[in-house]
N, C-alpha and C. Protein backbone atom coordinates (compact mmCIF):
# COMPACT_ATOMS: atom_id res chain seq x y z
N MET A 1 6.76 24.44 -22.35
CA MET A 1 5.94 24.13 -21.21
C MET A 1 4.66 24.95 -21.29
N ASN A 2 3.53 24.28 -21.19
CA ASN A 2 2.25 24.97 -21.27
C ASN A 2 1.76 25.49 -19.94
N ARG A 3 2.16 24.86 -18.87
CA ARG A 3 1.67 25.26 -17.55
C ARG A 3 2.86 25.34 -16.60
N PRO A 4 2.68 26.06 -15.50
CA PRO A 4 3.76 26.08 -14.51
C PRO A 4 4.00 24.67 -13.96
N GLN A 5 5.24 24.40 -13.61
CA GLN A 5 5.61 23.12 -13.00
C GLN A 5 5.46 23.25 -11.49
N ASN A 6 4.82 22.27 -10.87
CA ASN A 6 4.58 22.27 -9.43
C ASN A 6 5.68 21.50 -8.70
N ILE A 7 6.23 22.12 -7.66
CA ILE A 7 7.29 21.51 -6.85
C ILE A 7 6.81 21.43 -5.41
N LEU A 8 6.86 20.23 -4.84
CA LEU A 8 6.53 20.04 -3.43
C LEU A 8 7.82 19.80 -2.66
N PHE A 9 8.11 20.70 -1.72
CA PHE A 9 9.28 20.56 -0.85
C PHE A 9 8.80 19.94 0.46
N ILE A 10 9.52 18.91 0.90
CA ILE A 10 9.14 18.18 2.11
C ILE A 10 10.29 18.21 3.11
N CYS A 11 9.96 18.55 4.36
CA CYS A 11 10.92 18.41 5.46
C CYS A 11 10.17 17.98 6.71
N SER A 12 10.89 17.76 7.77
CA SER A 12 10.31 17.10 8.94
C SER A 12 9.16 17.82 9.60
N GLY A 13 9.17 19.15 9.67
CA GLY A 13 8.11 19.85 10.38
C GLY A 13 7.32 20.84 9.55
N ASN A 14 7.77 21.09 8.32
CA ASN A 14 7.15 22.09 7.45
C ASN A 14 7.04 23.43 8.18
N SER A 15 8.17 23.85 8.77
CA SER A 15 8.18 25.14 9.47
C SER A 15 9.34 26.03 9.04
N ALA A 16 10.33 25.47 8.32
CA ALA A 16 11.51 26.27 7.96
C ALA A 16 11.98 25.96 6.54
N ARG A 17 12.73 24.86 6.35
CA ARG A 17 13.35 24.55 5.06
C ARG A 17 12.35 24.43 3.92
N SER A 18 11.33 23.62 4.11
CA SER A 18 10.36 23.41 3.02
C SER A 18 9.57 24.67 2.74
N ILE A 19 9.27 25.45 3.77
CA ILE A 19 8.57 26.72 3.60
C ILE A 19 9.43 27.67 2.77
N LEU A 20 10.74 27.74 3.05
CA LEU A 20 11.65 28.57 2.25
C LEU A 20 11.67 28.09 0.81
N GLY A 21 11.69 26.78 0.59
CA GLY A 21 11.67 26.24 -0.77
C GLY A 21 10.42 26.65 -1.52
N GLU A 22 9.28 26.56 -0.86
CA GLU A 22 8.01 26.96 -1.47
C GLU A 22 8.08 28.40 -1.96
N ALA A 23 8.51 29.30 -1.08
CA ALA A 23 8.55 30.73 -1.42
C ALA A 23 9.59 31.02 -2.50
N LEU A 24 10.76 30.41 -2.40
CA LEU A 24 11.81 30.67 -3.38
C LEU A 24 11.44 30.17 -4.77
N ALA A 25 10.92 28.96 -4.86
CA ALA A 25 10.57 28.41 -6.18
C ALA A 25 9.54 29.29 -6.87
N THR A 26 8.59 29.77 -6.10
CA THR A 26 7.53 30.59 -6.68
C THR A 26 8.03 31.98 -7.07
N THR A 27 8.79 32.62 -6.19
CA THR A 27 9.22 33.99 -6.46
C THR A 27 10.35 34.07 -7.48
N LEU A 28 11.30 33.16 -7.44
CA LEU A 28 12.43 33.22 -8.37
C LEU A 28 12.04 32.91 -9.81
N SER A 29 11.06 32.04 -9.99
CA SER A 29 10.75 31.56 -11.34
C SER A 29 9.76 32.43 -12.11
N HIS A 30 9.16 33.41 -11.44
CA HIS A 30 8.22 34.32 -12.11
C HIS A 30 7.15 33.58 -12.89
N GLY A 31 6.56 32.56 -12.27
CA GLY A 31 5.45 31.84 -12.88
C GLY A 31 5.81 30.54 -13.57
N ARG A 32 7.08 30.26 -13.74
CA ARG A 32 7.47 29.00 -14.38
C ARG A 32 7.28 27.81 -13.44
N PHE A 33 7.50 28.03 -12.16
CA PHE A 33 7.31 27.01 -11.13
C PHE A 33 6.39 27.54 -10.04
N ILE A 34 5.64 26.65 -9.43
CA ILE A 34 4.85 26.99 -8.25
C ILE A 34 5.33 26.08 -7.13
N GLY A 35 5.79 26.69 -6.07
CA GLY A 35 6.29 25.94 -4.93
C GLY A 35 5.19 25.62 -3.93
N TYR A 36 5.28 24.43 -3.36
CA TYR A 36 4.39 23.99 -2.29
C TYR A 36 5.29 23.37 -1.23
N SER A 37 4.77 23.19 -0.02
CA SER A 37 5.56 22.56 1.03
C SER A 37 4.66 21.75 1.94
N ALA A 38 5.27 20.75 2.58
CA ALA A 38 4.50 19.88 3.46
C ALA A 38 5.43 19.02 4.31
N SER A 39 4.80 18.23 5.20
CA SER A 39 5.52 17.32 6.07
C SER A 39 4.61 16.15 6.44
N ALA A 40 5.21 15.04 6.81
CA ALA A 40 4.43 13.93 7.34
C ALA A 40 3.86 14.31 8.71
N LYS A 41 4.62 15.12 9.46
CA LYS A 41 4.21 15.54 10.81
C LYS A 41 4.42 17.04 10.95
N PRO A 42 3.54 17.85 10.37
CA PRO A 42 3.73 19.30 10.44
C PRO A 42 3.66 19.84 11.88
N THR A 43 4.48 20.85 12.14
CA THR A 43 4.50 21.46 13.47
C THR A 43 3.26 22.32 13.72
N GLY A 44 2.65 22.79 12.66
CA GLY A 44 1.49 23.65 12.80
C GLY A 44 1.82 25.13 12.85
N SER A 45 3.12 25.46 12.79
CA SER A 45 3.52 26.87 12.79
C SER A 45 4.75 27.07 11.90
N ILE A 46 4.95 28.31 11.49
CA ILE A 46 6.10 28.68 10.67
C ILE A 46 7.11 29.38 11.58
N HIS A 47 8.38 29.02 11.44
CA HIS A 47 9.42 29.62 12.26
C HIS A 47 9.51 31.12 11.96
N PRO A 48 9.61 31.97 12.98
CA PRO A 48 9.67 33.42 12.77
C PRO A 48 10.81 33.87 11.84
N MET A 49 11.96 33.20 11.89
CA MET A 49 13.07 33.60 11.01
C MET A 49 12.76 33.26 9.56
N ALA A 50 12.05 32.17 9.33
CA ALA A 50 11.62 31.84 7.97
C ALA A 50 10.65 32.90 7.47
N ILE A 51 9.76 33.33 8.32
CA ILE A 51 8.79 34.37 7.94
C ILE A 51 9.51 35.65 7.54
N GLU A 52 10.52 36.04 8.30
CA GLU A 52 11.26 37.28 7.98
C GLU A 52 11.97 37.18 6.64
N LEU A 53 12.60 36.04 6.36
CA LEU A 53 13.28 35.88 5.07
C LEU A 53 12.28 35.87 3.92
N ILE A 54 11.17 35.22 4.12
CA ILE A 54 10.15 35.11 3.08
C ILE A 54 9.51 36.48 2.83
N LYS A 55 9.32 37.24 3.87
CA LYS A 55 8.76 38.59 3.72
C LYS A 55 9.66 39.42 2.80
N SER A 56 10.98 39.29 2.94
CA SER A 56 11.91 40.07 2.12
C SER A 56 11.89 39.63 0.65
N MET A 57 11.38 38.44 0.37
CA MET A 57 11.26 37.94 -1.02
C MET A 57 10.03 38.50 -1.72
N GLY A 58 9.09 39.03 -0.93
CA GLY A 58 7.85 39.52 -1.50
C GLY A 58 6.80 38.44 -1.68
N TYR A 59 7.02 37.28 -1.07
CA TYR A 59 6.05 36.19 -1.16
C TYR A 59 4.90 36.49 -0.20
N PRO A 60 3.65 36.24 -0.62
CA PRO A 60 2.52 36.56 0.26
C PRO A 60 2.49 35.69 1.52
N LEU A 61 2.64 36.33 2.66
CA LEU A 61 2.69 35.60 3.93
C LEU A 61 1.36 34.93 4.26
N GLY A 62 0.27 35.45 3.73
CA GLY A 62 -1.05 34.90 4.02
C GLY A 62 -1.27 33.49 3.52
N VAL A 63 -0.47 33.04 2.57
CA VAL A 63 -0.65 31.67 2.05
C VAL A 63 0.20 30.66 2.81
N LEU A 64 1.12 31.14 3.65
CA LEU A 64 2.01 30.23 4.38
C LEU A 64 1.28 29.55 5.52
N ARG A 65 1.46 28.23 5.59
CA ARG A 65 0.98 27.47 6.73
C ARG A 65 1.69 26.13 6.74
N SER A 66 1.85 25.58 7.91
CA SER A 66 2.46 24.27 8.09
C SER A 66 1.39 23.23 7.82
N LYS A 67 1.65 22.33 6.85
CA LYS A 67 0.60 21.39 6.44
C LYS A 67 1.13 19.99 6.21
N SER A 68 0.20 19.05 6.19
CA SER A 68 0.52 17.64 5.97
C SER A 68 0.63 17.34 4.48
N TRP A 69 1.51 16.40 4.18
CA TRP A 69 1.64 15.99 2.78
C TRP A 69 0.41 15.24 2.28
N ASP A 70 -0.45 14.82 3.20
CA ASP A 70 -1.69 14.14 2.80
C ASP A 70 -2.54 15.02 1.88
N GLU A 71 -2.45 16.33 2.07
CA GLU A 71 -3.21 17.26 1.23
C GLU A 71 -2.86 17.12 -0.25
N PHE A 72 -1.64 16.74 -0.53
CA PHE A 72 -1.17 16.70 -1.91
C PHE A 72 -1.33 15.34 -2.57
N GLY A 73 -1.79 14.37 -1.81
CA GLY A 73 -2.07 13.05 -2.36
C GLY A 73 -3.56 12.81 -2.53
N SER A 74 -4.36 13.80 -2.15
CA SER A 74 -5.81 13.63 -2.21
C SER A 74 -6.38 14.11 -3.55
N GLU A 75 -7.59 13.68 -3.81
CA GLU A 75 -8.28 14.06 -5.04
C GLU A 75 -8.47 15.57 -5.06
N GLY A 76 -8.21 16.16 -6.20
CA GLY A 76 -8.37 17.60 -6.37
C GLY A 76 -7.13 18.41 -6.02
N ALA A 77 -6.10 17.75 -5.49
CA ALA A 77 -4.86 18.45 -5.16
C ALA A 77 -4.10 18.78 -6.45
N PRO A 78 -3.27 19.82 -6.42
CA PRO A 78 -2.46 20.11 -7.60
C PRO A 78 -1.55 18.92 -7.93
N LYS A 79 -1.40 18.64 -9.21
CA LYS A 79 -0.51 17.56 -9.66
C LYS A 79 0.93 18.04 -9.51
N MET A 80 1.73 17.27 -8.79
CA MET A 80 3.13 17.63 -8.59
C MET A 80 3.99 17.09 -9.73
N ASP A 81 4.92 17.93 -10.18
CA ASP A 81 5.89 17.52 -11.19
C ASP A 81 7.19 17.10 -10.54
N PHE A 82 7.47 17.70 -9.37
CA PHE A 82 8.70 17.41 -8.63
C PHE A 82 8.38 17.30 -7.14
N ILE A 83 9.03 16.33 -6.49
CA ILE A 83 8.98 16.20 -5.03
C ILE A 83 10.43 16.24 -4.56
N ILE A 84 10.74 17.21 -3.69
CA ILE A 84 12.11 17.36 -3.22
C ILE A 84 12.12 17.32 -1.70
N THR A 85 12.82 16.33 -1.15
CA THR A 85 12.97 16.24 0.30
C THR A 85 14.19 17.06 0.71
N LEU A 86 14.10 17.69 1.88
CA LEU A 86 15.15 18.61 2.32
C LEU A 86 15.82 18.19 3.61
N CYS A 87 15.37 17.10 4.23
CA CYS A 87 16.02 16.63 5.45
C CYS A 87 16.07 15.11 5.43
N GLU A 88 17.00 14.58 6.20
CA GLU A 88 17.20 13.13 6.20
C GLU A 88 15.97 12.36 6.64
N SER A 89 15.25 12.86 7.64
CA SER A 89 14.09 12.11 8.11
C SER A 89 13.00 12.05 7.04
N ALA A 90 12.81 13.13 6.29
CA ALA A 90 11.80 13.11 5.22
C ALA A 90 12.25 12.22 4.07
N ALA A 91 13.55 12.20 3.81
CA ALA A 91 14.06 11.38 2.71
C ALA A 91 13.86 9.90 3.00
N GLY A 92 13.91 9.52 4.27
CA GLY A 92 13.80 8.11 4.62
C GLY A 92 12.39 7.65 4.93
N GLU A 93 11.43 8.56 4.98
CA GLU A 93 10.07 8.18 5.33
C GLU A 93 9.35 7.53 4.14
N GLU A 94 8.40 6.71 4.48
CA GLU A 94 7.54 6.10 3.47
C GLU A 94 6.58 7.19 2.98
N CYS A 95 6.76 7.60 1.74
CA CYS A 95 5.95 8.68 1.19
C CYS A 95 4.63 8.13 0.65
N PRO A 96 3.63 8.97 0.61
CA PRO A 96 2.36 8.54 0.03
C PRO A 96 2.48 8.40 -1.48
N TYR A 97 1.47 7.84 -2.09
CA TYR A 97 1.43 7.76 -3.54
C TYR A 97 1.22 9.16 -4.08
N TRP A 98 2.05 9.55 -5.04
CA TRP A 98 1.90 10.86 -5.67
C TRP A 98 1.33 10.65 -7.07
N PRO A 99 0.12 11.13 -7.33
CA PRO A 99 -0.46 10.99 -8.67
C PRO A 99 0.46 11.59 -9.73
N GLY A 100 0.56 10.93 -10.86
CA GLY A 100 1.36 11.44 -11.96
C GLY A 100 2.83 11.06 -11.92
N HIS A 101 3.27 10.36 -10.89
CA HIS A 101 4.66 9.91 -10.76
C HIS A 101 5.65 11.06 -10.96
N PRO A 102 5.66 12.03 -10.06
CA PRO A 102 6.58 13.16 -10.19
C PRO A 102 8.04 12.73 -10.05
N SER A 103 8.93 13.52 -10.60
CA SER A 103 10.37 13.30 -10.43
C SER A 103 10.73 13.66 -9.00
N THR A 104 11.59 12.87 -8.38
CA THR A 104 11.95 13.09 -6.99
C THR A 104 13.45 13.27 -6.82
N ALA A 105 13.81 13.97 -5.77
CA ALA A 105 15.23 14.16 -5.44
C ALA A 105 15.34 14.50 -3.96
N HIS A 106 16.55 14.34 -3.44
CA HIS A 106 16.84 14.74 -2.07
C HIS A 106 17.90 15.83 -2.11
N TRP A 107 17.56 17.00 -1.58
CA TRP A 107 18.48 18.12 -1.45
C TRP A 107 18.62 18.41 0.03
N GLY A 108 19.46 17.69 0.71
CA GLY A 108 19.54 17.78 2.17
C GLY A 108 20.18 19.04 2.70
N PHE A 109 19.58 19.57 3.76
CA PHE A 109 20.08 20.72 4.49
C PHE A 109 19.89 20.47 5.98
N PRO A 110 20.84 20.90 6.81
CA PRO A 110 20.62 20.82 8.26
C PRO A 110 19.46 21.73 8.67
N ASP A 111 18.79 21.38 9.75
CA ASP A 111 17.66 22.17 10.22
C ASP A 111 18.16 23.47 10.86
N PRO A 112 17.88 24.63 10.24
CA PRO A 112 18.38 25.88 10.83
C PRO A 112 17.70 26.20 12.16
N ALA A 113 16.50 25.71 12.37
CA ALA A 113 15.79 25.97 13.62
C ALA A 113 16.39 25.20 14.79
N ALA A 114 17.25 24.23 14.51
CA ALA A 114 17.86 23.43 15.58
C ALA A 114 19.15 24.05 16.11
N VAL A 115 19.60 25.14 15.50
CA VAL A 115 20.82 25.80 15.95
C VAL A 115 20.58 26.41 17.33
N GLU A 116 21.46 26.10 18.27
CA GLU A 116 21.26 26.53 19.66
C GLU A 116 22.36 27.47 20.15
N LEU A 117 23.01 28.16 19.25
CA LEU A 117 24.11 29.04 19.64
C LEU A 117 23.70 30.51 19.63
N GLY A 118 22.43 30.78 19.77
CA GLY A 118 21.95 32.16 19.80
C GLY A 118 21.27 32.56 18.50
N ASP A 119 20.58 33.70 18.56
CA ASP A 119 19.81 34.17 17.41
C ASP A 119 20.66 34.48 16.19
N GLU A 120 21.84 35.06 16.41
CA GLU A 120 22.71 35.41 15.29
C GLU A 120 23.16 34.15 14.53
N ALA A 121 23.54 33.12 15.26
CA ALA A 121 23.96 31.86 14.62
C ALA A 121 22.78 31.20 13.92
N MET A 122 21.60 31.28 14.53
CA MET A 122 20.42 30.69 13.90
C MET A 122 20.06 31.44 12.61
N LEU A 123 20.11 32.76 12.65
CA LEU A 123 19.82 33.54 11.44
C LEU A 123 20.81 33.20 10.34
N HIS A 124 22.08 33.05 10.70
CA HIS A 124 23.10 32.65 9.72
C HIS A 124 22.74 31.29 9.11
N ALA A 125 22.29 30.35 9.92
CA ALA A 125 21.91 29.01 9.43
C ALA A 125 20.70 29.12 8.48
N PHE A 126 19.73 29.95 8.82
CA PHE A 126 18.58 30.15 7.94
C PHE A 126 19.02 30.74 6.60
N LYS A 127 19.94 31.71 6.64
CA LYS A 127 20.41 32.33 5.40
C LYS A 127 21.21 31.34 4.56
N GLN A 128 21.94 30.43 5.20
CA GLN A 128 22.67 29.40 4.47
C GLN A 128 21.71 28.48 3.73
N VAL A 129 20.63 28.08 4.39
CA VAL A 129 19.62 27.24 3.74
C VAL A 129 18.97 28.00 2.58
N GLU A 130 18.63 29.27 2.83
CA GLU A 130 18.02 30.07 1.76
C GLU A 130 18.95 30.16 0.55
N MET A 131 20.23 30.44 0.78
CA MET A 131 21.19 30.56 -0.32
C MET A 131 21.35 29.22 -1.05
N GLY A 132 21.43 28.13 -0.31
CA GLY A 132 21.57 26.81 -0.93
C GLY A 132 20.36 26.46 -1.77
N LEU A 133 19.17 26.72 -1.25
CA LEU A 133 17.95 26.46 -2.03
C LEU A 133 17.89 27.36 -3.25
N ARG A 134 18.23 28.61 -3.07
CA ARG A 134 18.23 29.57 -4.20
C ARG A 134 19.13 29.06 -5.33
N ASN A 135 20.35 28.63 -4.98
CA ASN A 135 21.28 28.12 -6.00
C ASN A 135 20.70 26.91 -6.74
N ARG A 136 20.11 25.98 -6.00
CA ARG A 136 19.56 24.77 -6.62
C ARG A 136 18.35 25.11 -7.49
N ILE A 137 17.49 25.99 -7.03
CA ILE A 137 16.30 26.35 -7.81
C ILE A 137 16.70 27.10 -9.08
N GLU A 138 17.72 27.95 -8.99
CA GLU A 138 18.19 28.64 -10.19
C GLU A 138 18.75 27.65 -11.21
N LEU A 139 19.46 26.63 -10.75
CA LEU A 139 19.95 25.59 -11.66
C LEU A 139 18.78 24.81 -12.27
N LEU A 140 17.77 24.53 -11.48
CA LEU A 140 16.58 23.85 -11.99
C LEU A 140 15.90 24.70 -13.07
N MET A 141 15.83 26.00 -12.86
CA MET A 141 15.21 26.89 -13.84
C MET A 141 15.98 26.91 -15.16
N ASP A 142 17.28 26.62 -15.11
CA ASP A 142 18.10 26.60 -16.32
C ASP A 142 17.89 25.34 -17.17
N LEU A 143 17.29 24.30 -16.59
CA LEU A 143 17.09 23.04 -17.33
C LEU A 143 16.01 23.20 -18.40
N ALA A 144 16.23 22.55 -19.52
CA ALA A 144 15.22 22.49 -20.58
C ALA A 144 14.31 21.30 -20.26
N ILE A 145 13.47 21.47 -19.27
CA ILE A 145 12.65 20.38 -18.75
C ILE A 145 11.77 19.75 -19.83
N ASP A 146 11.25 20.58 -20.70
CA ASP A 146 10.35 20.07 -21.75
C ASP A 146 11.08 19.21 -22.79
N LYS A 147 12.41 19.20 -22.75
CA LYS A 147 13.19 18.40 -23.70
C LYS A 147 13.80 17.14 -23.05
N LEU A 148 13.54 16.95 -21.75
CA LEU A 148 14.10 15.82 -21.02
C LEU A 148 13.02 14.80 -20.70
N ASP A 149 13.41 13.50 -20.71
CA ASP A 149 12.45 12.49 -20.29
C ASP A 149 12.49 12.38 -18.75
N HIS A 150 11.60 11.57 -18.22
CA HIS A 150 11.44 11.46 -16.76
C HIS A 150 12.75 11.06 -16.07
N LEU A 151 13.47 10.08 -16.61
CA LEU A 151 14.71 9.62 -16.00
C LEU A 151 15.79 10.71 -16.07
N GLU A 152 15.87 11.42 -17.18
CA GLU A 152 16.86 12.50 -17.29
C GLU A 152 16.57 13.63 -16.30
N ILE A 153 15.29 13.92 -16.11
CA ILE A 153 14.94 14.96 -15.14
C ILE A 153 15.36 14.54 -13.74
N LYS A 154 15.08 13.29 -13.37
CA LYS A 154 15.46 12.79 -12.04
C LYS A 154 16.98 12.87 -11.86
N GLU A 155 17.72 12.47 -12.88
CA GLU A 155 19.19 12.53 -12.81
C GLU A 155 19.67 13.97 -12.66
N GLN A 156 19.06 14.89 -13.38
CA GLN A 156 19.44 16.30 -13.29
C GLN A 156 19.12 16.88 -11.91
N LEU A 157 17.98 16.49 -11.33
CA LEU A 157 17.63 16.96 -9.99
C LEU A 157 18.68 16.53 -8.97
N GLN A 158 19.11 15.27 -9.07
CA GLN A 158 20.15 14.77 -8.14
C GLN A 158 21.48 15.47 -8.42
N SER A 159 21.79 15.67 -9.70
CA SER A 159 23.04 16.32 -10.07
C SER A 159 23.10 17.75 -9.54
N ILE A 160 21.99 18.45 -9.56
CA ILE A 160 21.95 19.82 -9.02
C ILE A 160 22.39 19.82 -7.58
N HIS A 161 21.91 18.88 -6.80
CA HIS A 161 22.29 18.83 -5.38
C HIS A 161 23.79 18.57 -5.23
N HIS A 162 24.31 17.62 -5.99
CA HIS A 162 25.72 17.25 -5.84
C HIS A 162 26.65 18.36 -6.33
N ARG A 163 26.22 19.14 -7.32
CA ARG A 163 27.05 20.24 -7.83
C ARG A 163 27.10 21.41 -6.87
N THR A 164 26.14 21.53 -5.98
CA THR A 164 26.05 22.71 -5.13
C THR A 164 26.40 22.43 -3.68
N LYS A 165 26.89 21.26 -3.37
CA LYS A 165 27.26 20.93 -1.97
C LYS A 165 28.45 21.73 -1.53
């Protein structure tokens, strides 16, 4: 691989799951992958528990923001190699055209911000999403991406999700 592979994580509000994916992909891969995140309908803010987890990863908080996926379909946007949806609503939405035909997959997680059983239960839900994403990203890093064709990469992305459920 000559350049880092770009991964766009998409979820319903771009405030928790996709933000965690962005930070994990970038920090775990040490330059092999660059994580991005977005939503069709961004909330405009990052959940405080996501910020705390991301801070502990050493990811720069100054680059975090809730944003629309339109940014990544426009001219001059980074070319995505992978698009990964993290919630059912994002998986079912009509996605924009992605230049370069990136490999896509759905790695579904419940919304940790929707937990209503108190802060401790919500923090546990956030940590579960973080651990699940970490496991999947580590499996992705183990793939010999440069030796796989587009269809094999897509199959491997889906397989990663099914192996880690």
